[in-house]
Amino acid sequence: MLQAYPDPMTSSSSVLLIPGDGVGAEVVPAAARVLAGLVPELHFDEAEAGWACFQRCGSALPAATLAAARKTGAVLFGATQSPSTEVPGYASPILALRRELDLYGNLRPARSLPGERPVFDLLIVRENSEGLYSGREHAIADGFVAERVITRTASMRIARLACEQALLHAARVGRPARLTVVHKANVLKKTDGLFRSACLEVAANYPTLQVGEMLVDTAAMWLAKDPGRFDVLVTTNLFGDILSDLAAGKAGGLGLAPSANIGGHGVALFEPVHGSAPDIAGKGIANPLGALRSSVMLLQYLGYEAAAQRLDAAIEYVLVHGPLPVDLGGQATTAQVAGAVLDMALRTV
């Protein structure tokens, strides 16, 4: 099973579906059908966001969608298609949701595929609210400057989350709790120096935790070479974005990669990390397993631990026995893969 969260919303059974753009409109409904089959008491609402929404109504994150997200226990988010150039009035809806809901922690688990080597099972805890993604850019004489914001408050709260996750991870995998603080403080002495010192200060309050640190370029090399040397890593926003995609590549690709965005206001957002994939959108062949793995994390957050374990085991079974989606070398459709996962999960009920 994946790690449970420090403050599960056990009293809530409300899930807001935001399919978004492209294949998000295929994998989110598929995941919702599996969730409904496993936990019939779940209540689903749906809201819109994304590039198509912006083109239709002038907002990538309508006020009604944000209001609905604030009221729910958990959000299952699909994917959005963002333009590569600046478009007046457009802002990334996922970044806006993270900011408005104070979803400061991004959790990205990655583990080796069944039967593959090297064997690893790790979690990257990414600070989600500041860093180079703070949105503070301005013009200079010959270009632009992006400000990288690192604060002590944000660094300490992500460090606390990472320490708690390291203890939970250790209990699950059956080995001592280990945390690696990833930074570039040898060059970015003030910003990453602050992040490093804040993380080490917080970690000192967890006496059973084995704490190490590593420069981000070295961490990238070891993730590519031997990801099994890591258990839980904590790092800043941009570094976490890059390292977690690297880890996903070692774990079968982005089509399998889940994530959770959590904070302190009683709402969590779960999303597969693949993009909107416009080249295959509408063909019914998108891989739903990233959305289903994100649904495992969603169920754990809502307190449905037994259902989460059944779903996780069913995904592992399908990865071994099929049917597999096209990006994993199979020929199955989105609906066929999701249906096989649900069938297997229900066999153990």
Protein backbone atom coordinates (compact mmCIF):
# COMPACT_ATOMS: atom_id res chain seq x y z
CA MET A 1 0.00 0.00 0.00
CA LEU A 2 0.99 3.63 -0.29
CA GLN A 3 1.47 5.90 2.69
CA ALA A 4 -1.48 7.24 4.62
CA TYR A 5 -1.62 10.92 5.49
CA PRO A 6 -1.18 12.59 8.85
CA ASP A 7 -4.70 14.04 8.93
CA PRO A 8 -7.04 11.81 6.92
CA MET A 9 -10.49 13.26 6.21
CA THR A 10 -12.33 10.24 7.53
CA SER A 11 -15.59 12.12 7.90
CA SER A 12 -15.84 13.08 4.22
CA SER A 13 -16.99 11.00 1.25
CA SER A 14 -17.20 13.82 -1.28
CA VAL A 15 -14.98 13.80 -4.37
CA LEU A 16 -14.83 16.59 -6.92
CA LEU A 17 -13.89 15.47 -10.43
CA ILE A 18 -12.06 17.99 -12.63
CA PRO A 19 -11.25 16.13 -15.89
CA GLY A 20 -9.58 19.13 -17.56
CA ASP A 21 -8.25 18.80 -21.10
CA GLY A 22 -7.31 16.02 -23.50
CA VAL A 23 -6.96 12.56 -21.98
CA GLY A 24 -7.97 13.93 -18.59
CA ALA A 25 -11.54 13.65 -19.83
CA GLU A 26 -10.94 9.92 -20.35
CA VAL A 27 -8.87 8.81 -17.36
CA VAL A 28 -10.78 10.73 -14.67
CA PRO A 29 -14.20 9.22 -15.54
CA ALA A 30 -12.55 5.78 -15.75
CA ALA A 31 -11.05 6.23 -12.28
CA ALA A 32 -14.35 7.53 -10.93
CA ARG A 33 -16.12 4.36 -12.13
CA VAL A 34 -13.56 2.24 -10.29
CA LEU A 35 -13.89 4.33 -7.13
CA ALA A 36 -17.67 4.11 -7.24
CA GLY A 37 -17.50 0.35 -7.70
CA LEU A 38 -15.18 -0.06 -4.73
CA VAL A 39 -16.77 2.49 -2.37
CA PRO A 40 -20.44 2.96 -3.28
CA GLU A 41 -20.97 5.59 -0.57
CA LEU A 42 -18.64 8.05 -2.31
CA HIS A 43 -20.42 11.10 -3.71
CA PHE A 44 -19.11 12.68 -6.92
CA ASP A 45 -19.50 16.17 -8.34
CA GLU A 46 -17.85 17.51 -11.47
CA ALA A 47 -16.40 20.90 -12.36
CA GLU A 48 -14.47 22.36 -15.26
CA ALA A 49 -11.00 23.87 -15.62
CA GLY A 50 -8.28 24.09 -18.22
CA TRP A 51 -7.43 25.50 -21.63
CA ALA A 52 -10.69 24.49 -23.32
CA CYS A 53 -12.57 26.03 -20.42
CA PHE A 54 -10.56 29.24 -20.83
CA GLN A 55 -11.30 29.38 -24.55
CA ARG A 56 -15.01 28.86 -23.89
CA CYS A 57 -15.64 31.12 -20.92
CA GLY A 58 -12.52 33.26 -20.45
CA SER A 59 -11.26 31.60 -17.25
CA ALA A 60 -9.11 28.50 -16.82
CA LEU A 61 -10.36 28.15 -13.23
CA PRO A 62 -13.91 29.49 -12.90
CA ALA A 63 -14.99 30.81 -9.52
CA ALA A 64 -17.60 28.04 -9.30
CA THR A 65 -14.90 25.38 -9.68
CA LEU A 66 -12.76 26.91 -6.95
CA ALA A 67 -15.77 27.20 -4.65
CA ALA A 68 -16.66 23.54 -5.26
CA ALA A 69 -13.08 22.49 -4.50
CA ARG A 70 -13.14 24.37 -1.19
CA LYS A 71 -16.27 22.47 -0.12
CA THR A 72 -15.12 18.95 -0.95
CA GLY A 73 -12.90 16.51 0.88
CA ALA A 74 -10.82 15.54 -2.14
CA VAL A 75 -10.32 16.57 -5.75
CA LEU A 76 -9.41 14.18 -8.57
CA PHE A 77 -7.79 16.30 -11.28
CA GLY A 78 -7.07 15.08 -14.80
CA ALA A 79 -4.76 17.13 -16.98
CA THR A 80 -4.68 20.56 -18.55
CA GLN A 81 -3.18 21.84 -21.76
CA SER A 82 -1.28 25.07 -21.18
CA PRO A 83 0.09 27.21 -24.02
CA SER A 84 3.88 27.55 -24.24
CA THR A 85 3.63 31.28 -24.87
CA GLU A 86 1.98 33.95 -22.76
CA VAL A 87 -1.76 34.33 -23.37
CA PRO A 88 -3.40 37.39 -21.79
CA GLY A 89 -5.77 36.34 -19.01
CA TYR A 90 -4.66 32.70 -18.90
CA ALA A 91 -3.09 31.19 -15.76
CA SER A 92 -2.41 27.54 -15.02
CA PRO A 93 -5.44 26.15 -13.14
CA ILE A 94 -3.42 23.55 -11.25
CA LEU A 95 -0.99 26.19 -9.98
CA ALA A 96 -3.94 28.39 -9.05
CA LEU A 97 -5.64 25.55 -7.17
CA ARG A 98 -2.46 24.79 -5.25
CA ARG A 99 -2.14 28.44 -4.29
CA GLU A 100 -5.79 29.10 -3.42
CA LEU A 101 -6.18 25.88 -1.40
CA ASP A 102 -2.73 26.19 0.21
CA LEU A 103 -1.69 22.78 -1.09
CA TYR A 104 1.91 23.27 -0.06
CA GLY A 105 3.04 19.64 -0.21
CA ASN A 106 3.34 17.55 -3.38
CA LEU A 107 3.82 13.83 -2.77
CA ARG A 108 5.20 11.76 -5.64
CA PRO A 109 5.69 8.05 -4.89
CA ALA A 110 7.61 5.87 -7.33
CA ARG A 111 8.32 2.16 -7.17
CA SER A 112 9.78 -0.41 -9.51
CA LEU A 113 7.47 -2.42 -11.72
CA PRO A 114 6.69 -5.97 -10.53
CA GLY A 115 9.61 -8.27 -11.27
CA GLU A 116 11.92 -5.54 -12.56
CA ARG A 117 15.36 -4.51 -11.34
CA PRO A 118 16.56 -2.46 -9.59
CA VAL A 119 13.94 -2.78 -6.87
CA PHE A 120 12.96 0.51 -5.26
CA ASP A 121 10.08 2.12 -3.41
CA LEU A 122 10.54 5.82 -2.72
CA LEU A 123 8.68 9.05 -2.15
CA ILE A 124 9.63 12.56 -3.25
CA VAL A 125 8.17 15.33 -1.09
CA ARG A 126 8.19 18.54 -3.11
CA GLU A 127 7.60 22.00 -1.72
CA ASN A 128 4.64 23.19 -3.74
CA SER A 129 4.06 26.85 -2.96
CA GLU A 130 7.13 28.90 -3.81
CA GLY A 131 10.60 28.44 -5.31
CA LEU A 132 11.02 29.28 -8.99
CA TYR A 133 7.30 28.69 -9.55
CA SER A 134 6.31 31.66 -7.42
CA GLY A 135 5.22 33.51 -10.57
CA ARG A 136 7.37 36.56 -9.84
CA GLU A 137 8.93 37.53 -13.16
CA HIS A 138 9.87 40.96 -14.44
CA ALA A 139 11.63 42.55 -17.38
CA ILE A 140 15.21 43.79 -17.44
CA ALA A 141 17.05 45.64 -20.20
CA ASP A 142 17.89 42.57 -22.26
CA GLY A 143 15.44 39.93 -21.04
CA PHE A 144 13.58 38.83 -17.96
CA VAL A 145 14.25 37.79 -14.37
CA ALA A 146 12.39 35.06 -12.50
CA GLU A 147 12.58 35.35 -8.73
CA ARG A 148 13.19 32.17 -6.73
CA VAL A 149 11.40 32.60 -3.41
CA ILE A 150 12.44 30.45 -0.44
CA THR A 151 11.07 31.22 3.03
CA ARG A 152 11.78 29.71 6.41
CA THR A 153 8.07 29.14 7.11
CA ALA A 154 7.45 27.16 3.91
CA SER A 155 10.71 25.23 4.28
CA MET A 156 9.93 24.18 7.83
CA ARG A 157 6.40 23.04 7.09
CA ILE A 158 7.46 20.93 4.10
CA ALA A 159 10.24 19.48 6.26
CA ARG A 160 7.70 18.46 8.93
CA LEU A 161 5.54 16.81 6.30
CA ALA A 162 8.56 14.97 4.89
CA CYS A 163 9.62 13.73 8.32
CA GLU A 164 6.14 12.38 9.05
CA GLN A 165 6.03 10.72 5.64
CA ALA A 166 9.45 9.17 6.23
CA LEU A 167 8.19 7.55 9.44
CA LEU A 168 5.09 6.22 7.69
CA HIS A 169 7.14 4.97 4.76
CA ALA A 170 9.52 3.15 7.09
CA ALA A 171 6.66 1.43 8.89
CA ARG A 172 5.29 0.22 5.56
CA VAL A 173 8.51 -1.05 4.01
CA GLY A 174 9.90 -2.46 7.25
CA ARG A 175 13.24 -0.66 7.53
CA PRO A 176 14.61 2.30 9.49
CA ALA A 177 13.21 5.70 8.57
CA ARG A 178 15.48 7.63 6.19
CA LEU A 179 15.16 11.14 4.80
CA THR A 180 17.38 12.83 2.23
CA VAL A 181 17.35 16.63 2.01
CA VAL A 182 18.08 17.61 -1.60
CA HIS A 183 19.38 21.11 -2.38
CA LYS A 184 22.02 23.16 -4.20
CA ALA A 185 23.27 25.14 -1.21
CA ASN A 186 26.87 25.05 -2.45
CA VAL A 187 25.83 27.54 -5.16
CA LEU A 188 22.52 29.01 -4.00
CA LYS A 189 23.89 29.80 -0.58
CA LYS A 190 21.08 32.04 0.67
CA THR A 191 17.96 30.40 -0.76
CA ASP A 192 18.95 26.74 -0.71
CA GLY A 193 21.08 27.46 2.34
CA LEU A 194 17.90 28.50 4.14
CA PHE A 195 15.97 25.48 2.85
CA ARG A 196 18.74 23.11 3.93
CA SER A 197 19.13 24.56 7.43
CA ALA A 198 15.36 24.66 8.03
CA CYS A 199 14.96 21.02 6.99
CA LEU A 200 17.84 19.85 9.16
CA GLU A 201 16.52 21.86 12.11
CA VAL A 202 13.08 20.25 11.83
CA ALA A 203 14.49 16.76 11.27
CA ALA A 204 16.50 17.03 14.49
CA ASN A 205 13.19 16.74 16.35
CA TYR A 206 12.71 13.19 15.01
CA PRO A 207 15.31 11.11 16.86
CA THR A 208 14.51 7.82 15.08
CA LEU A 209 14.95 9.38 11.65
CA GLN A 210 18.20 8.87 9.73
CA VAL A 211 18.81 12.16 7.92
CA GLY A 212 21.20 12.81 5.06
CA GLU A 213 21.62 15.49 2.44
CA MET A 214 22.62 15.52 -1.21
CA LEU A 215 23.19 18.06 -3.96
CA VAL A 216 20.43 17.95 -6.55
CA ASP A 217 22.70 17.00 -9.46
CA THR A 218 24.13 14.12 -7.45
CA ALA A 219 20.62 13.05 -6.45
CA ALA A 220 19.60 13.01 -10.12
CA MET A 221 22.56 10.78 -10.96
CA TRP A 222 21.73 8.31 -8.18
CA LEU A 223 18.02 8.27 -9.04
CA ALA A 224 18.98 7.27 -12.57
CA LYS A 225 21.64 4.78 -11.46
CA ASP A 226 20.33 3.26 -8.22
CA PRO A 227 16.98 4.65 -6.99
CA GLY A 228 16.89 1.94 -4.32
CA ARG A 229 19.35 3.94 -2.21
CA PHE A 230 16.54 6.39 -1.39
CA ASP A 231 13.43 6.13 0.77
CA VAL A 232 12.03 9.68 1.16
CA LEU A 233 13.50 12.81 -0.40
CA VAL A 234 12.46 16.39 0.36
CA THR A 235 13.33 19.27 -1.94
CA THR A 236 12.27 22.57 -3.42
CA ASN A 237 9.62 23.15 -6.09
CA LEU A 238 11.56 23.04 -9.37
CA PHE A 239 14.02 20.39 -8.20
CA GLY A 240 11.11 18.25 -7.01
CA ASP A 241 9.33 18.63 -10.32
CA ILE A 242 12.34 17.41 -12.27
CA LEU A 243 13.46 14.65 -9.90
CA SER A 244 9.98 13.18 -9.58
CA ASP A 245 9.65 12.86 -13.36
CA LEU A 246 13.05 11.18 -13.44
CA ALA A 247 11.87 8.74 -10.78
CA ALA A 248 8.68 8.13 -12.77
CA GLY A 249 10.78 7.25 -15.81
CA LYS A 250 12.52 4.57 -13.76
CA ALA A 251 9.12 3.29 -12.55
CA GLY A 252 7.49 2.63 -15.92
CA GLY A 253 6.78 6.11 -17.21
CA LEU A 254 4.49 9.05 -16.55
CA GLY A 255 1.41 7.01 -17.46
CA LEU A 256 1.80 5.16 -14.16
CA ALA A 257 2.79 8.08 -11.96
CA PRO A 258 0.42 9.36 -9.25
CA SER A 259 0.61 12.41 -7.03
CA ALA A 260 -1.10 14.07 -4.11
CA ASN A 261 -1.24 17.77 -3.28
CA ILE A 262 -1.99 18.33 0.39
CA GLY A 263 -2.15 21.26 2.77
CA GLY A 264 -3.74 22.51 5.91
CA HIS A 265 -7.31 23.42 4.94
CA GLY A 266 -9.02 20.03 4.82
CA VAL A 267 -8.88 19.64 1.02
CA ALA A 268 -6.45 17.50 -0.95
CA LEU A 269 -5.99 17.23 -4.70
CA PHE A 270 -4.90 14.07 -6.45
CA GLU A 271 -3.72 13.89 -10.05
CA PRO A 272 -1.90 11.66 -12.48
CA VAL A 273 1.14 13.62 -13.55
CA HIS A 274 0.98 12.92 -17.28
CA GLY A 275 -0.09 15.74 -19.55
CA SER A 276 -3.19 16.19 -21.67
CA ALA A 277 -1.62 14.17 -24.54
CA PRO A 278 -3.56 15.84 -27.38
CA ASP A 279 -2.02 13.41 -29.90
CA ILE A 280 -4.04 10.50 -28.45
CA ALA A 281 -6.98 12.36 -26.90
CA GLY A 282 -10.33 11.00 -28.00
CA LYS A 283 -8.95 7.64 -29.13
CA GLY A 284 -9.84 5.81 -25.91
CA ILE A 285 -6.32 4.43 -25.44
CA ALA A 286 -4.97 6.65 -22.64
CA ASN A 287 -3.37 4.82 -19.73
CA PRO A 288 -5.69 5.13 -16.69
CA LEU A 289 -3.25 3.58 -14.21
CA GLY A 290 -1.74 6.90 -13.12
CA ALA A 291 -5.23 8.16 -12.32
CA LEU A 292 -6.01 4.87 -10.55
CA ARG A 293 -2.84 5.04 -8.48
CA SER A 294 -3.77 8.61 -7.58
CA SER A 295 -7.15 7.19 -6.56
CA VAL A 296 -5.36 4.82 -4.16
CA MET A 297 -3.87 7.87 -2.46
CA LEU A 298 -7.26 9.58 -2.48
CA LEU A 299 -8.90 6.62 -0.75
CA GLN A 300 -6.19 6.58 1.90
CA TYR A 301 -6.68 10.28 2.53
CA LEU A 302 -10.43 9.80 2.94
CA GLY A 303 -9.85 6.94 5.37
CA TYR A 304 -10.84 4.00 3.11
CA GLU A 305 -7.67 2.04 3.78
CA ALA A 306 -9.02 -1.43 2.97
CA ALA A 307 -10.40 -0.26 -0.39
CA ALA A 308 -7.10 1.49 -1.12
CA GLN A 309 -5.16 -1.71 -0.48
CA ARG A 310 -7.48 -3.71 -2.75
CA LEU A 311 -7.15 -1.16 -5.53
CA ASP A 312 -3.38 -1.00 -5.21
CA ALA A 313 -3.09 -4.80 -5.32
CA ALA A 314 -5.41 -4.97 -8.33
CA ILE A 315 -3.25 -2.47 -10.24
CA GLU A 316 -0.16 -4.56 -9.50
CA TYR A 317 -1.98 -7.68 -10.74
CA VAL A 318 -2.95 -6.03 -14.02
CA LEU A 319 0.62 -4.78 -14.51
CA VAL A 320 1.77 -8.41 -14.37
CA HIS A 321 -1.09 -10.22 -16.09
CA GLY A 322 -2.66 -7.55 -18.27
CA PRO A 323 -4.52 -6.22 -20.07
CA LEU A 324 -1.99 -3.46 -20.65
CA PRO A 325 -2.51 -0.07 -22.28
CA VAL A 326 -0.71 0.94 -25.45
CA ASP A 327 2.06 2.93 -23.74
CA LEU A 328 3.06 -0.20 -21.79
CA GLY A 329 3.18 -2.38 -24.90
CA GLY A 330 -0.39 -3.70 -24.83
CA GLN A 331 -3.48 -3.13 -26.95
CA ALA A 332 -6.15 -2.51 -24.31
CA THR A 333 -8.34 0.56 -24.21
CA THR A 334 -8.70 2.90 -21.27
CA ALA A 335 -12.03 1.30 -20.36
CA GLN A 336 -10.66 -2.25 -20.63
CA VAL A 337 -7.70 -1.56 -18.34
CA ALA A 338 -9.86 0.21 -15.75
CA GLY A 339 -12.48 -2.53 -15.95
CA ALA A 340 -9.89 -5.24 -15.37
CA VAL A 341 -8.55 -3.38 -12.32
CA LEU A 342 -12.05 -3.04 -10.85
CA ASP A 343 -12.87 -6.70 -11.49
CA MET A 344 -9.72 -7.79 -9.70
CA ALA A 345 -10.25 -5.39 -6.80
CA LEU A 346 -13.81 -6.65 -6.28
CA ARG A 347 -12.69 -10.28 -6.16
CA THR A 348 -11.15 -9.64 -2.75
CA VAL A 349 -14.18 -7.87 -1.27
